[in-house]
């Protein structure tokens, strides 16, 4: 059985350019540039369609808004999928980075330096987030054998898919990926009952639709934390 899984990062969000920790409540959605990126993604997928069986979208606003463009291009409704949202920042949701550091000084510089430490009370740790992403992707694959799935998600989810596939655990030294907004990463999963499954990375961070328009160098994020991805 073969499942093709396309992971698409959302367009540039307010949280990508402002020092806001954007969980369920702090996510202000896409910037004007992010909407333009999503328009270019829609045009690409309309002209070069992916024969898709199902479209999923993270439930965070920046992904939901991006998925609207993808949905039009593919002619499919976007099914909400809470398990592919970004790391849960807990009660830090909606705070500025400065407020987070002032309120939780013992947690700075964040989960990548202490993988089993929650980002903030009631939030996830980096290790828990990776475990959630791994379970979510395995569940999607199990639900869609011999199908093609597109999922609009976040940089942290795509990074975790790479780290998990390459056997880099949460306690290993972090590996950073320069993921473009609206970039497409294509995984192919092969597996059958009684056999060992195998992942193939077909394409990574394909953002050719941005070339010559709004690509350039992405603005630097205010703090290297996965809740802004």
N, C-alpha and C. Protein backbone atom coordinates (compact mmCIF):
# COMPACT_ATOMS: atom_id res chain seq x y z
N UNK A 1 0.84 -1.19 0.00
CA UNK A 1 0.00 0.00 0.00
C UNK A 1 0.88 1.25 0.00
N UNK A 2 0.48 2.23 -0.78
CA UNK A 2 1.25 3.46 -0.91
C UNK A 2 0.35 4.65 -0.61
N UNK A 3 0.80 5.52 0.25
CA UNK A 3 0.08 6.76 0.54
C UNK A 3 1.01 7.93 0.28
N UNK A 4 0.55 8.89 -0.53
CA UNK A 4 1.30 10.11 -0.75
C UNK A 4 0.76 11.19 0.19
N UNK A 5 1.65 11.79 0.93
CA UNK A 5 1.28 12.81 1.92
C UNK A 5 2.02 14.10 1.61
N UNK A 6 1.26 15.14 1.30
CA UNK A 6 1.82 16.47 1.02
C UNK A 6 1.56 17.36 2.23
N UNK A 7 2.63 17.85 2.84
CA UNK A 7 2.52 18.76 3.97
C UNK A 7 2.83 20.17 3.48
N UNK A 8 1.88 21.08 3.63
CA UNK A 8 2.04 22.45 3.15
C UNK A 8 2.07 23.40 4.35
N UNK A 9 3.12 24.19 4.45
CA UNK A 9 3.17 25.18 5.52
C UNK A 9 2.24 26.35 5.17
N UNK A 10 1.64 26.92 6.17
CA UNK A 10 0.75 28.08 5.98
C UNK A 10 1.52 29.28 5.43
N UNK A 11 0.78 30.26 4.94
CA UNK A 11 1.40 31.50 4.48
C UNK A 11 1.93 32.31 5.65
N UNK A 12 2.70 33.36 5.33
CA UNK A 12 3.26 34.19 6.39
C UNK A 12 2.15 34.69 7.31
N UNK A 13 2.37 34.54 8.61
CA UNK A 13 1.36 34.93 9.60
C UNK A 13 1.83 36.13 10.39
N UNK A 14 0.89 36.74 11.08
CA UNK A 14 1.23 37.86 11.96
C UNK A 14 2.27 37.42 12.98
N UNK A 15 2.13 36.19 13.47
CA UNK A 15 3.08 35.67 14.48
C UNK A 15 4.46 35.44 13.91
N UNK A 16 4.60 35.36 12.58
CA UNK A 16 5.92 35.22 11.97
C UNK A 16 6.69 36.53 11.97
N UNK A 17 5.99 37.65 12.09
CA UNK A 17 6.67 38.95 11.98
C UNK A 17 6.53 39.81 13.24
N UNK A 18 5.67 39.42 14.14
CA UNK A 18 5.51 40.14 15.40
C UNK A 18 5.83 39.18 16.55
N UNK A 19 6.34 39.71 17.66
CA UNK A 19 6.73 38.83 18.78
C UNK A 19 5.53 38.38 19.61
N UNK A 20 4.60 37.67 18.97
CA UNK A 20 3.41 37.16 19.64
C UNK A 20 3.43 35.64 19.63
N UNK A 21 3.16 35.04 20.76
CA UNK A 21 3.07 33.58 20.86
C UNK A 21 1.67 33.19 20.44
N UNK A 22 1.56 32.51 19.32
CA UNK A 22 0.28 32.33 18.65
C UNK A 22 -0.21 30.90 18.74
N UNK A 23 -0.98 30.61 19.79
CA UNK A 23 -1.71 29.36 19.89
C UNK A 23 -3.14 29.58 19.41
N UNK A 24 -4.08 28.91 20.03
CA UNK A 24 -5.47 29.01 19.58
C UNK A 24 -6.02 30.43 19.72
N UNK A 25 -5.57 31.16 20.73
CA UNK A 25 -6.13 32.49 21.00
C UNK A 25 -5.27 33.63 20.46
N UNK A 26 -3.98 33.43 20.41
CA UNK A 26 -3.09 34.51 19.97
C UNK A 26 -2.86 34.57 18.49
N UNK A 27 -3.38 33.62 17.73
CA UNK A 27 -3.14 33.56 16.29
C UNK A 27 -4.04 34.57 15.58
N UNK A 28 -3.42 35.59 14.99
CA UNK A 28 -4.17 36.62 14.27
C UNK A 28 -4.26 36.34 12.78
N UNK A 29 -3.86 35.16 12.34
CA UNK A 29 -4.01 34.79 10.94
C UNK A 29 -2.88 35.29 10.06
N UNK A 30 -3.18 35.39 8.77
CA UNK A 30 -2.17 35.73 7.77
C UNK A 30 -1.95 37.23 7.64
N UNK A 31 -0.73 37.59 7.25
CA UNK A 31 -0.44 38.96 6.86
C UNK A 31 -0.89 39.17 5.40
N UNK A 32 -0.80 40.39 4.92
CA UNK A 32 -1.10 40.64 3.50
C UNK A 32 -0.14 39.84 2.62
N UNK A 33 1.12 39.79 3.02
CA UNK A 33 2.11 39.01 2.26
C UNK A 33 1.75 37.53 2.30
N UNK A 34 1.28 37.06 3.44
CA UNK A 34 0.88 35.67 3.56
C UNK A 34 -0.29 35.33 2.66
N UNK A 35 -1.24 36.26 2.54
CA UNK A 35 -2.38 36.02 1.65
C UNK A 35 -1.93 36.00 0.19
N UNK A 36 -0.96 36.85 -0.14
CA UNK A 36 -0.44 36.83 -1.50
C UNK A 36 0.28 35.51 -1.77
N UNK A 37 1.05 35.04 -0.82
CA UNK A 37 1.70 33.74 -0.97
C UNK A 37 0.66 32.64 -1.20
N UNK A 38 -0.44 32.69 -0.44
CA UNK A 38 -1.49 31.68 -0.57
C UNK A 38 -2.16 31.78 -1.94
N UNK A 39 -2.30 32.99 -2.45
CA UNK A 39 -2.86 33.16 -3.80
C UNK A 39 -1.96 32.51 -4.84
N UNK A 40 -0.66 32.70 -4.70
CA UNK A 40 0.28 32.09 -5.64
C UNK A 40 0.27 30.57 -5.51
N UNK A 41 0.13 30.08 -4.30
CA UNK A 41 0.00 28.63 -4.09
C UNK A 41 -1.27 28.11 -4.76
N UNK A 42 -2.37 28.85 -4.60
CA UNK A 42 -3.63 28.44 -5.24
C UNK A 42 -3.48 28.38 -6.76
N UNK A 43 -2.82 29.39 -7.32
CA UNK A 43 -2.62 29.40 -8.77
C UNK A 43 -1.81 28.19 -9.21
N UNK A 44 -0.75 27.91 -8.46
CA UNK A 44 0.09 26.77 -8.82
C UNK A 44 -0.71 25.47 -8.77
N UNK A 45 -1.46 25.26 -7.71
CA UNK A 45 -2.21 24.01 -7.56
C UNK A 45 -3.37 23.91 -8.55
N UNK A 46 -3.82 25.05 -9.05
CA UNK A 46 -4.85 25.04 -10.09
C UNK A 46 -4.25 24.66 -11.44
N UNK A 47 -3.03 25.16 -11.69
CA UNK A 47 -2.38 24.89 -12.97
C UNK A 47 -1.66 23.54 -12.96
N UNK A 48 -1.18 23.12 -11.81
CA UNK A 48 -0.47 21.85 -11.67
C UNK A 48 -1.13 21.06 -10.53
N UNK A 49 -2.33 20.58 -10.76
CA UNK A 49 -3.10 19.98 -9.66
C UNK A 49 -2.48 18.70 -9.12
N UNK A 50 -2.61 18.54 -7.82
CA UNK A 50 -2.26 17.29 -7.16
C UNK A 50 -3.53 16.46 -7.10
N UNK A 51 -3.55 15.25 -7.65
CA UNK A 51 -4.77 14.42 -7.62
C UNK A 51 -5.06 13.96 -6.19
N UNK A 52 -5.78 14.76 -5.46
CA UNK A 52 -5.93 14.59 -4.01
C UNK A 52 -7.24 13.90 -3.65
N UNK A 53 -7.15 12.98 -2.68
CA UNK A 53 -8.35 12.31 -2.17
C UNK A 53 -8.95 13.02 -0.97
N UNK A 54 -8.10 13.61 -0.14
CA UNK A 54 -8.60 14.30 1.05
C UNK A 54 -7.67 15.45 1.41
N UNK A 55 -8.27 16.53 1.89
CA UNK A 55 -7.53 17.72 2.31
C UNK A 55 -7.78 17.95 3.80
N UNK A 56 -6.70 18.01 4.58
CA UNK A 56 -6.79 18.32 6.00
C UNK A 56 -6.19 19.69 6.26
N UNK A 57 -6.62 20.31 7.36
CA UNK A 57 -6.04 21.59 7.76
C UNK A 57 -5.96 21.65 9.28
N UNK A 58 -4.84 22.13 9.77
CA UNK A 58 -4.72 22.45 11.18
C UNK A 58 -5.83 23.41 11.58
N UNK A 59 -6.21 23.38 12.84
CA UNK A 59 -7.32 24.22 13.30
C UNK A 59 -6.88 25.61 13.74
N UNK A 60 -5.60 25.94 13.63
CA UNK A 60 -5.15 27.29 13.95
C UNK A 60 -5.44 28.22 12.77
N UNK A 61 -5.85 29.48 13.06
CA UNK A 61 -6.32 30.38 12.00
C UNK A 61 -5.37 30.55 10.82
N UNK A 62 -4.07 30.61 11.06
CA UNK A 62 -3.15 30.83 9.94
C UNK A 62 -3.16 29.66 8.97
N UNK A 63 -3.41 28.47 9.46
CA UNK A 63 -3.52 27.30 8.59
C UNK A 63 -4.91 27.22 7.96
N UNK A 64 -5.94 27.53 8.74
CA UNK A 64 -7.31 27.51 8.22
C UNK A 64 -7.45 28.48 7.05
N UNK A 65 -6.89 29.68 7.20
CA UNK A 65 -6.98 30.68 6.13
C UNK A 65 -6.22 30.23 4.89
N UNK A 66 -5.05 29.66 5.07
CA UNK A 66 -4.28 29.16 3.92
C UNK A 66 -5.02 28.03 3.24
N UNK A 67 -5.66 27.17 4.01
CA UNK A 67 -6.38 26.03 3.45
C UNK A 67 -7.55 26.46 2.58
N UNK A 68 -8.09 27.64 2.80
CA UNK A 68 -9.18 28.13 1.95
C UNK A 68 -8.71 28.25 0.50
N UNK A 69 -7.49 28.72 0.30
CA UNK A 69 -6.93 28.86 -1.04
C UNK A 69 -6.65 27.48 -1.65
N UNK A 70 -6.12 26.59 -0.83
CA UNK A 70 -5.82 25.23 -1.31
C UNK A 70 -7.11 24.50 -1.66
N UNK A 71 -8.13 24.70 -0.85
CA UNK A 71 -9.42 24.05 -1.08
C UNK A 71 -10.01 24.44 -2.43
N UNK A 72 -9.93 25.71 -2.75
CA UNK A 72 -10.46 26.16 -4.05
C UNK A 72 -9.69 25.53 -5.20
N UNK A 73 -8.37 25.46 -5.04
CA UNK A 73 -7.54 24.92 -6.12
C UNK A 73 -7.80 23.43 -6.34
N UNK A 74 -7.97 22.70 -5.25
CA UNK A 74 -8.13 21.24 -5.35
C UNK A 74 -9.58 20.82 -5.53
N UNK A 75 -10.51 21.74 -5.27
CA UNK A 75 -11.93 21.39 -5.39
C UNK A 75 -12.39 20.44 -4.29
N UNK A 76 -11.77 20.57 -3.11
CA UNK A 76 -12.10 19.70 -1.98
C UNK A 76 -12.31 20.55 -0.73
N UNK A 77 -13.23 20.16 0.14
CA UNK A 77 -13.36 20.87 1.42
C UNK A 77 -12.19 20.52 2.32
N UNK A 78 -11.83 21.46 3.17
CA UNK A 78 -10.75 21.21 4.13
C UNK A 78 -11.34 20.63 5.41
N UNK A 79 -10.90 19.45 5.76
CA UNK A 79 -11.35 18.79 6.98
C UNK A 79 -10.47 19.23 8.14
N UNK A 80 -11.05 19.80 9.21
CA UNK A 80 -10.23 20.23 10.34
C UNK A 80 -9.53 19.04 11.00
N UNK A 81 -8.26 19.21 11.32
CA UNK A 81 -7.48 18.15 11.96
C UNK A 81 -6.66 18.77 13.08
N UNK A 82 -7.16 18.62 14.30
CA UNK A 82 -6.55 19.28 15.44
C UNK A 82 -5.17 18.73 15.76
N UNK A 83 -4.90 17.50 15.38
CA UNK A 83 -3.64 16.86 15.77
C UNK A 83 -2.43 17.38 15.00
N UNK A 84 -2.64 18.16 13.93
CA UNK A 84 -1.51 18.69 13.16
C UNK A 84 -1.34 20.19 13.37
N UNK A 85 -1.88 20.69 14.50
CA UNK A 85 -1.63 22.09 14.86
C UNK A 85 -0.22 22.22 15.42
N UNK A 86 0.22 23.47 15.60
CA UNK A 86 1.55 23.74 16.13
C UNK A 86 1.61 23.41 17.62
N UNK A 87 2.82 23.44 18.18
CA UNK A 87 3.02 23.17 19.60
C UNK A 87 2.11 24.04 20.45
N UNK A 88 1.47 23.45 21.44
CA UNK A 88 0.53 24.15 22.31
C UNK A 88 1.30 24.95 23.36
N UNK A 89 1.19 26.29 23.35
CA UNK A 89 1.96 27.09 24.30
C UNK A 89 1.32 27.24 25.67
N UNK A 90 0.17 26.59 25.88
CA UNK A 90 -0.48 26.67 27.18
C UNK A 90 -0.92 28.08 27.52
N UNK A 91 -0.70 28.48 28.77
CA UNK A 91 -1.20 29.80 29.20
C UNK A 91 -0.33 30.94 28.68
N UNK A 92 0.72 30.63 27.94
CA UNK A 92 1.51 31.69 27.28
C UNK A 92 0.85 32.14 25.98
N UNK A 93 -0.20 31.47 25.56
CA UNK A 93 -0.89 31.80 24.31
C UNK A 93 -1.35 33.25 24.32
N UNK A 94 -0.93 33.99 23.30
CA UNK A 94 -1.33 35.39 23.17
C UNK A 94 -0.38 36.38 23.80
N UNK A 95 0.57 35.91 24.59
CA UNK A 95 1.54 36.82 25.20
C UNK A 95 2.57 37.27 24.17
N UNK A 96 3.16 38.41 24.41
CA UNK A 96 4.33 38.77 23.63
C UNK A 96 5.50 37.95 24.13
N UNK A 97 6.55 37.89 23.34
CA UNK A 97 7.73 37.15 23.77
C UNK A 97 8.30 37.75 25.05
N UNK A 98 8.30 39.08 25.14
CA UNK A 98 8.82 39.74 26.34
C UNK A 98 7.98 39.36 27.56
N UNK A 99 6.67 39.33 27.40
CA UNK A 99 5.80 38.95 28.52
C UNK A 99 6.04 37.51 28.94
N UNK A 100 6.24 36.63 27.95
CA UNK A 100 6.51 35.22 28.25
C UNK A 100 7.79 35.09 29.07
N UNK A 101 8.83 35.81 28.66
CA UNK A 101 10.10 35.73 29.36
C UNK A 101 10.00 36.31 30.77
N UNK A 102 9.23 37.39 30.91
CA UNK A 102 9.08 38.00 32.23
C UNK A 102 8.26 37.11 33.17
N UNK A 103 7.21 36.49 32.63
CA UNK A 103 6.30 35.70 33.47
C UNK A 103 6.86 34.33 33.80
N UNK A 104 7.64 33.76 32.87
CA UNK A 104 8.17 32.42 33.07
C UNK A 104 9.69 32.42 32.83
N UNK A 105 10.44 33.14 33.65
CA UNK A 105 11.88 33.27 33.39
C UNK A 105 12.62 31.95 33.41
N UNK A 106 12.15 30.97 34.17
CA UNK A 106 12.83 29.69 34.24
C UNK A 106 12.67 28.85 32.99
N UNK A 107 11.74 29.25 32.10
CA UNK A 107 11.49 28.48 30.89
C UNK A 107 12.27 29.00 29.69
N UNK A 108 12.76 30.19 29.75
CA UNK A 108 13.57 30.74 28.67
C UNK A 108 14.90 29.99 28.63
N UNK A 109 15.41 29.53 27.48
CA UNK A 109 15.06 29.90 26.12
C UNK A 109 14.04 29.00 25.44
N UNK A 110 13.27 28.24 26.17
CA UNK A 110 12.19 27.51 25.53
C UNK A 110 12.43 26.02 25.41
N UNK A 111 11.49 25.33 24.77
CA UNK A 111 11.48 23.86 24.78
C UNK A 111 12.62 23.18 24.05
N UNK A 112 13.24 23.83 23.07
CA UNK A 112 14.32 23.16 22.35
C UNK A 112 15.54 22.92 23.24
N UNK A 113 15.72 23.77 24.25
CA UNK A 113 16.85 23.60 25.16
C UNK A 113 16.54 22.60 26.26
N UNK A 114 15.27 22.36 26.54
CA UNK A 114 14.85 21.42 27.57
C UNK A 114 13.66 20.66 27.01
N UNK A 115 13.89 19.58 26.28
CA UNK A 115 12.84 18.94 25.48
C UNK A 115 11.66 18.39 26.26
N UNK A 116 11.84 18.12 27.57
CA UNK A 116 10.74 17.58 28.35
C UNK A 116 10.07 18.64 29.22
N UNK A 117 10.45 19.87 29.04
CA UNK A 117 9.90 20.99 29.80
C UNK A 117 8.80 21.65 28.98
N UNK A 118 7.64 21.82 29.58
CA UNK A 118 6.53 22.47 28.88
C UNK A 118 6.90 23.90 28.51
N UNK A 119 6.40 24.37 27.37
CA UNK A 119 6.66 25.74 26.94
C UNK A 119 6.18 26.73 27.98
N UNK A 120 5.06 26.42 28.60
CA UNK A 120 4.47 27.19 29.69
C UNK A 120 3.49 26.26 30.39
N UNK A 121 3.04 26.59 31.60
CA UNK A 121 2.05 25.75 32.25
C UNK A 121 0.85 25.47 31.34
N UNK A 122 0.39 24.22 31.36
CA UNK A 122 -0.73 23.74 30.54
C UNK A 122 -0.36 23.60 29.06
N UNK A 123 0.90 23.78 28.75
CA UNK A 123 1.34 23.64 27.37
C UNK A 123 2.11 22.36 27.14
N UNK A 124 2.59 22.18 25.90
CA UNK A 124 3.32 20.99 25.52
C UNK A 124 4.82 21.20 25.64
N UNK A 125 5.53 20.13 25.84
CA UNK A 125 6.98 20.15 25.70
C UNK A 125 7.31 19.79 24.25
N UNK A 126 8.56 20.03 23.88
CA UNK A 126 9.01 19.67 22.53
C UNK A 126 8.90 18.16 22.31
N UNK A 127 9.24 17.38 23.33
CA UNK A 127 9.16 15.92 23.21
C UNK A 127 7.71 15.46 23.05
N UNK A 128 6.79 16.05 23.83
CA UNK A 128 5.38 15.68 23.72
C UNK A 128 4.82 16.08 22.36
N UNK A 129 5.26 17.22 21.87
CA UNK A 129 4.81 17.68 20.55
C UNK A 129 5.27 16.72 19.47
N UNK A 130 6.54 16.30 19.51
CA UNK A 130 7.02 15.36 18.51
C UNK A 130 6.24 14.04 18.56
N UNK A 131 5.94 13.59 19.77
CA UNK A 131 5.17 12.34 19.91
C UNK A 131 3.77 12.52 19.31
N UNK A 132 3.16 13.67 19.55
CA UNK A 132 1.81 13.92 18.98
C UNK A 132 1.87 13.93 17.46
N UNK A 133 2.86 14.62 16.91
CA UNK A 133 2.97 14.69 15.45
C UNK A 133 3.18 13.29 14.86
N UNK A 134 4.04 12.51 15.47
CA UNK A 134 4.27 11.16 14.97
C UNK A 134 3.01 10.33 14.97
N UNK A 135 2.24 10.41 16.05
CA UNK A 135 0.98 9.67 16.12
C UNK A 135 -0.03 10.19 15.10
N UNK A 136 -0.06 11.51 14.91
CA UNK A 136 -1.00 12.10 13.95
C UNK A 136 -0.71 11.65 12.53
N UNK A 137 0.55 11.68 12.13
CA UNK A 137 0.91 11.27 10.77
C UNK A 137 0.66 9.78 10.56
N UNK A 138 0.96 8.98 11.58
CA UNK A 138 0.70 7.54 11.48
C UNK A 138 -0.80 7.28 11.33
N UNK A 139 -1.62 8.04 12.05
CA UNK A 139 -3.06 7.88 11.97
C UNK A 139 -3.59 8.26 10.59
N UNK A 140 -3.07 9.35 10.04
CA UNK A 140 -3.50 9.78 8.70
C UNK A 140 -3.14 8.72 7.67
N UNK A 141 -1.93 8.20 7.75
CA UNK A 141 -1.50 7.15 6.81
C UNK A 141 -2.41 5.93 6.94
N UNK A 142 -2.73 5.54 8.17
CA UNK A 142 -3.56 4.35 8.38
C UNK A 142 -4.97 4.54 7.85
N UNK A 143 -5.46 5.78 7.90
CA UNK A 143 -6.83 6.06 7.43
C UNK A 143 -6.92 6.13 5.91
N UNK A 144 -5.78 6.33 5.25
CA UNK A 144 -5.82 6.58 3.80
C UNK A 144 -4.83 5.73 3.02
N UNK A 145 -4.95 4.41 3.10
CA UNK A 145 -4.06 3.56 2.30
C UNK A 145 -4.34 3.75 0.81
N UNK A 146 -3.29 3.80 0.02
CA UNK A 146 -3.40 3.93 -1.44
C UNK A 146 -4.15 5.19 -1.85
N UNK A 147 -3.99 6.25 -1.07
CA UNK A 147 -4.62 7.53 -1.40
C UNK A 147 -3.59 8.65 -1.34
N UNK A 148 -4.00 9.81 -1.81
CA UNK A 148 -3.15 11.00 -1.74
C UNK A 148 -3.80 12.00 -0.80
N UNK A 149 -3.01 12.44 0.17
CA UNK A 149 -3.50 13.34 1.22
C UNK A 149 -2.70 14.64 1.17
N UNK A 150 -3.40 15.76 1.27
CA UNK A 150 -2.77 17.07 1.41
C UNK A 150 -3.15 17.62 2.78
N UNK A 151 -2.17 18.12 3.51
CA UNK A 151 -2.43 18.68 4.84
C UNK A 151 -1.78 20.05 4.95
N UNK A 152 -2.58 21.06 5.27
CA UNK A 152 -2.06 22.41 5.50
C UNK A 152 -1.74 22.52 6.99
N UNK A 153 -0.47 22.77 7.28
CA UNK A 153 -0.04 22.65 8.67
C UNK A 153 1.01 23.71 8.98
N UNK A 154 1.99 23.36 9.81
CA UNK A 154 2.93 24.33 10.36
C UNK A 154 4.37 23.87 10.21
N UNK A 155 5.28 24.82 10.34
CA UNK A 155 6.69 24.49 10.23
C UNK A 155 7.14 23.46 11.23
N UNK A 156 6.65 23.56 12.47
CA UNK A 156 7.04 22.60 13.49
C UNK A 156 6.61 21.19 13.16
N UNK A 157 5.44 21.05 12.56
CA UNK A 157 4.96 19.72 12.18
C UNK A 157 5.82 19.15 11.07
N UNK A 158 6.14 19.98 10.08
CA UNK A 158 6.98 19.50 8.98
C UNK A 158 8.38 19.16 9.48
N UNK A 159 8.94 20.01 10.33
CA UNK A 159 10.24 19.71 10.92
C UNK A 159 10.20 18.38 11.68
N UNK A 160 9.15 18.17 12.46
CA UNK A 160 9.03 16.93 13.23
C UNK A 160 8.93 15.72 12.31
N UNK A 161 8.23 15.86 11.19
CA UNK A 161 8.13 14.73 10.26
C UNK A 161 9.51 14.33 9.76
N UNK A 162 10.38 15.32 9.53
CA UNK A 162 11.73 15.04 9.07
C UNK A 162 12.58 14.42 10.17
N UNK A 163 12.50 14.97 11.36
CA UNK A 163 13.28 14.46 12.48
C UNK A 163 12.87 13.03 12.82
N UNK A 164 11.56 12.77 12.81
CA UNK A 164 11.08 11.44 13.12
C UNK A 164 11.50 10.43 12.05
N UNK A 165 11.38 10.83 10.79
CA UNK A 165 11.74 9.91 9.70
C UNK A 165 13.23 9.59 9.71
N UNK A 166 14.05 10.57 10.11
CA UNK A 166 15.49 10.37 10.12
C UNK A 166 16.00 9.86 11.47
N UNK A 167 15.08 9.57 12.38
CA UNK A 167 15.47 8.98 13.66
C UNK A 167 16.16 9.93 14.61
N UNK A 168 15.87 11.23 14.48
CA UNK A 168 16.45 12.22 15.37
C UNK A 168 15.47 12.45 16.52
N UNK A 169 15.80 11.98 17.70
CA UNK A 169 14.89 12.08 18.83
C UNK A 169 14.83 13.47 19.43
N UNK A 170 13.88 13.66 20.34
CA UNK A 170 13.67 14.98 20.94
C UNK A 170 14.85 15.43 21.78
N UNK A 171 15.63 14.50 22.27
CA UNK A 171 16.77 14.86 23.11
C UNK A 171 18.04 15.14 22.31
N UNK A 172 18.01 14.89 21.01
CA UNK A 172 19.18 15.15 20.18
C UNK A 172 19.36 16.66 19.98
N UNK A 173 20.56 17.04 19.57
CA UNK A 173 20.81 18.46 19.28
C UNK A 173 19.86 18.89 18.16
N UNK A 174 19.12 20.00 18.36
CA UNK A 174 18.13 20.40 17.35
C UNK A 174 18.74 20.62 15.97
N UNK A 175 18.03 20.15 14.96
CA UNK A 175 18.39 20.40 13.57
C UNK A 175 17.40 21.42 13.03
N UNK A 176 17.89 22.51 12.47
CA UNK A 176 17.00 23.57 12.00
C UNK A 176 16.78 23.43 10.50
N UNK A 177 15.55 23.77 10.08
CA UNK A 177 15.17 23.74 8.67
C UNK A 177 14.62 25.11 8.29
N UNK A 178 15.08 25.64 7.17
CA UNK A 178 14.62 26.94 6.70
C UNK A 178 13.40 26.73 5.81
N UNK A 179 12.24 26.63 6.43
CA UNK A 179 11.01 26.29 5.71
C UNK A 179 10.31 27.55 5.20
N UNK A 180 9.99 27.56 3.92
CA UNK A 180 9.30 28.69 3.32
C UNK A 180 7.82 28.64 3.62
N UNK A 181 7.23 29.80 3.82
CA UNK A 181 5.77 29.85 3.93
C UNK A 181 5.15 29.38 2.63
N UNK A 182 4.16 28.52 2.72
CA UNK A 182 3.46 27.84 1.61
C UNK A 182 4.34 26.83 0.88
N UNK A 183 5.51 26.51 1.44
CA UNK A 183 6.35 25.47 0.85
C UNK A 183 5.68 24.10 0.97
N UNK A 184 5.94 23.25 0.00
CA UNK A 184 5.32 21.92 -0.06
C UNK A 184 6.38 20.84 0.18
N UNK A 185 6.12 19.96 1.14
CA UNK A 185 6.97 18.81 1.39
C UNK A 185 6.17 17.54 1.11
N UNK A 186 6.71 16.68 0.27
CA UNK A 186 5.99 15.49 -0.20
C UNK A 186 6.64 14.23 0.35
N UNK A 187 5.88 13.48 1.13
CA UNK A 187 6.29 12.18 1.64
C UNK A 187 5.53 11.07 0.92
N UNK A 188 6.19 9.96 0.71
CA UNK A 188 5.51 8.77 0.19
C UNK A 188 5.74 7.63 1.19
N UNK A 189 4.64 7.04 1.61
CA UNK A 189 4.71 5.96 2.60
C UNK A 189 4.31 4.64 1.97
N UNK A 190 5.17 3.65 2.15
CA UNK A 190 4.88 2.30 1.66
C UNK A 190 4.81 1.36 2.85
N UNK A 191 3.78 0.52 2.87
CA UNK A 191 3.65 -0.42 3.96
C UNK A 191 2.53 -1.39 3.69
N UNK A 192 2.63 -2.56 4.26
CA UNK A 192 1.60 -3.57 4.12
C UNK A 192 1.61 -4.42 5.38
N UNK A 193 0.53 -5.11 5.60
CA UNK A 193 0.42 -5.94 6.79
C UNK A 193 1.58 -6.93 6.86
N UNK A 194 2.25 -6.98 8.01
CA UNK A 194 3.33 -7.93 8.20
C UNK A 194 4.66 -7.49 7.65
N UNK A 195 4.72 -6.28 7.10
CA UNK A 195 5.99 -5.79 6.55
C UNK A 195 6.37 -4.49 7.24
N UNK A 196 7.64 -4.13 7.14
CA UNK A 196 8.11 -2.89 7.73
C UNK A 196 7.77 -1.73 6.81
N UNK A 197 7.20 -0.68 7.38
CA UNK A 197 6.84 0.47 6.56
C UNK A 197 8.08 1.28 6.21
N UNK A 198 7.97 2.07 5.17
CA UNK A 198 9.11 2.87 4.72
C UNK A 198 8.62 4.23 4.24
N UNK A 199 9.35 5.27 4.62
CA UNK A 199 9.04 6.63 4.19
C UNK A 199 10.07 7.07 3.16
N UNK A 200 9.59 7.73 2.11
CA UNK A 200 10.47 8.31 1.09
C UNK A 200 10.18 9.80 1.01
N UNK A 201 11.23 10.61 1.14
CA UNK A 201 11.07 12.05 0.97
C UNK A 201 11.18 12.37 -0.51
N UNK A 202 10.06 12.69 -1.13
CA UNK A 202 10.00 12.92 -2.57
C UNK A 202 10.39 14.36 -2.91
N UNK A 203 9.90 15.30 -2.12
CA UNK A 203 10.21 16.72 -2.34
C UNK A 203 10.21 17.43 -1.01
N UNK A 204 11.12 18.39 -0.85
CA UNK A 204 11.23 19.12 0.41
C UNK A 204 11.14 20.62 0.17
N UNK A 205 10.22 21.27 0.86
CA UNK A 205 10.16 22.74 0.89
C UNK A 205 10.09 23.35 -0.51
N UNK A 206 9.25 22.79 -1.35
CA UNK A 206 9.10 23.27 -2.72
C UNK A 206 8.22 24.52 -2.71
N UNK A 207 8.85 25.66 -2.96
CA UNK A 207 8.13 26.93 -2.98
C UNK A 207 8.38 27.66 -4.30
N UNK A 208 8.46 26.90 -5.38
CA UNK A 208 8.73 27.48 -6.69
C UNK A 208 7.70 28.50 -7.12
N UNK A 209 6.48 28.38 -6.60
CA UNK A 209 5.42 29.32 -6.98
C UNK A 209 5.69 30.73 -6.46
N UNK A 210 6.63 30.89 -5.52
CA UNK A 210 6.94 32.21 -4.98
C UNK A 210 8.07 32.91 -5.72
N UNK A 211 8.79 32.19 -6.56
CA UNK A 211 9.96 32.74 -7.21
C UNK A 211 9.58 33.92 -8.11
N UNK A 212 10.30 35.03 -7.95
CA UNK A 212 10.07 36.18 -8.80
C UNK A 212 8.92 37.06 -8.36
N UNK A 213 8.29 36.70 -7.21
CA UNK A 213 7.18 37.54 -6.78
C UNK A 213 7.38 37.99 -5.33
N UNK A 214 7.00 37.15 -4.39
CA UNK A 214 7.11 37.56 -2.99
C UNK A 214 8.02 36.67 -2.19
N UNK A 215 8.90 35.93 -2.88
CA UNK A 215 9.73 35.00 -2.13
C UNK A 215 10.76 35.76 -1.29
N UNK A 216 11.89 36.09 -1.87
CA UNK A 216 12.91 36.83 -1.14
C UNK A 216 13.32 36.13 0.13
N UNK A 217 13.94 36.88 1.01
CA UNK A 217 14.32 36.34 2.31
C UNK A 217 13.17 36.57 3.28
N UNK A 218 12.69 35.52 3.94
CA UNK A 218 11.61 35.71 4.89
C UNK A 218 12.05 36.56 6.06
N UNK A 219 11.13 37.34 6.65
CA UNK A 219 11.51 38.15 7.80
C UNK A 219 11.93 37.26 8.96
N UNK A 220 12.91 37.71 9.73
CA UNK A 220 13.36 36.93 10.85
C UNK A 220 12.27 36.89 11.92
N UNK A 221 12.05 35.73 12.52
CA UNK A 221 11.09 35.61 13.59
C UNK A 221 11.67 36.24 14.84
N UNK A 222 10.78 36.69 15.71
CA UNK A 222 11.23 37.41 16.88
C UNK A 222 11.97 36.52 17.87
N UNK A 223 11.61 35.23 17.92
CA UNK A 223 12.25 34.31 18.84
C UNK A 223 12.17 32.92 18.21
N UNK A 224 13.22 32.11 18.32
CA UNK A 224 13.18 30.79 17.69
C UNK A 224 12.34 29.80 18.50
N UNK A 225 11.03 29.94 18.41
CA UNK A 225 10.12 29.06 19.14
C UNK A 225 9.13 28.45 18.18
N UNK A 226 8.84 27.16 18.29
CA UNK A 226 7.99 26.50 17.31
C UNK A 226 6.55 26.97 17.27
N UNK A 227 6.08 27.71 18.28
CA UNK A 227 4.69 28.14 18.23
C UNK A 227 4.47 29.27 17.23
N UNK A 228 5.54 29.79 16.64
CA UNK A 228 5.39 30.82 15.62
C UNK A 228 5.46 30.26 14.22
N UNK A 229 5.63 28.96 14.04
CA UNK A 229 5.86 28.37 12.72
C UNK A 229 4.59 28.25 11.91
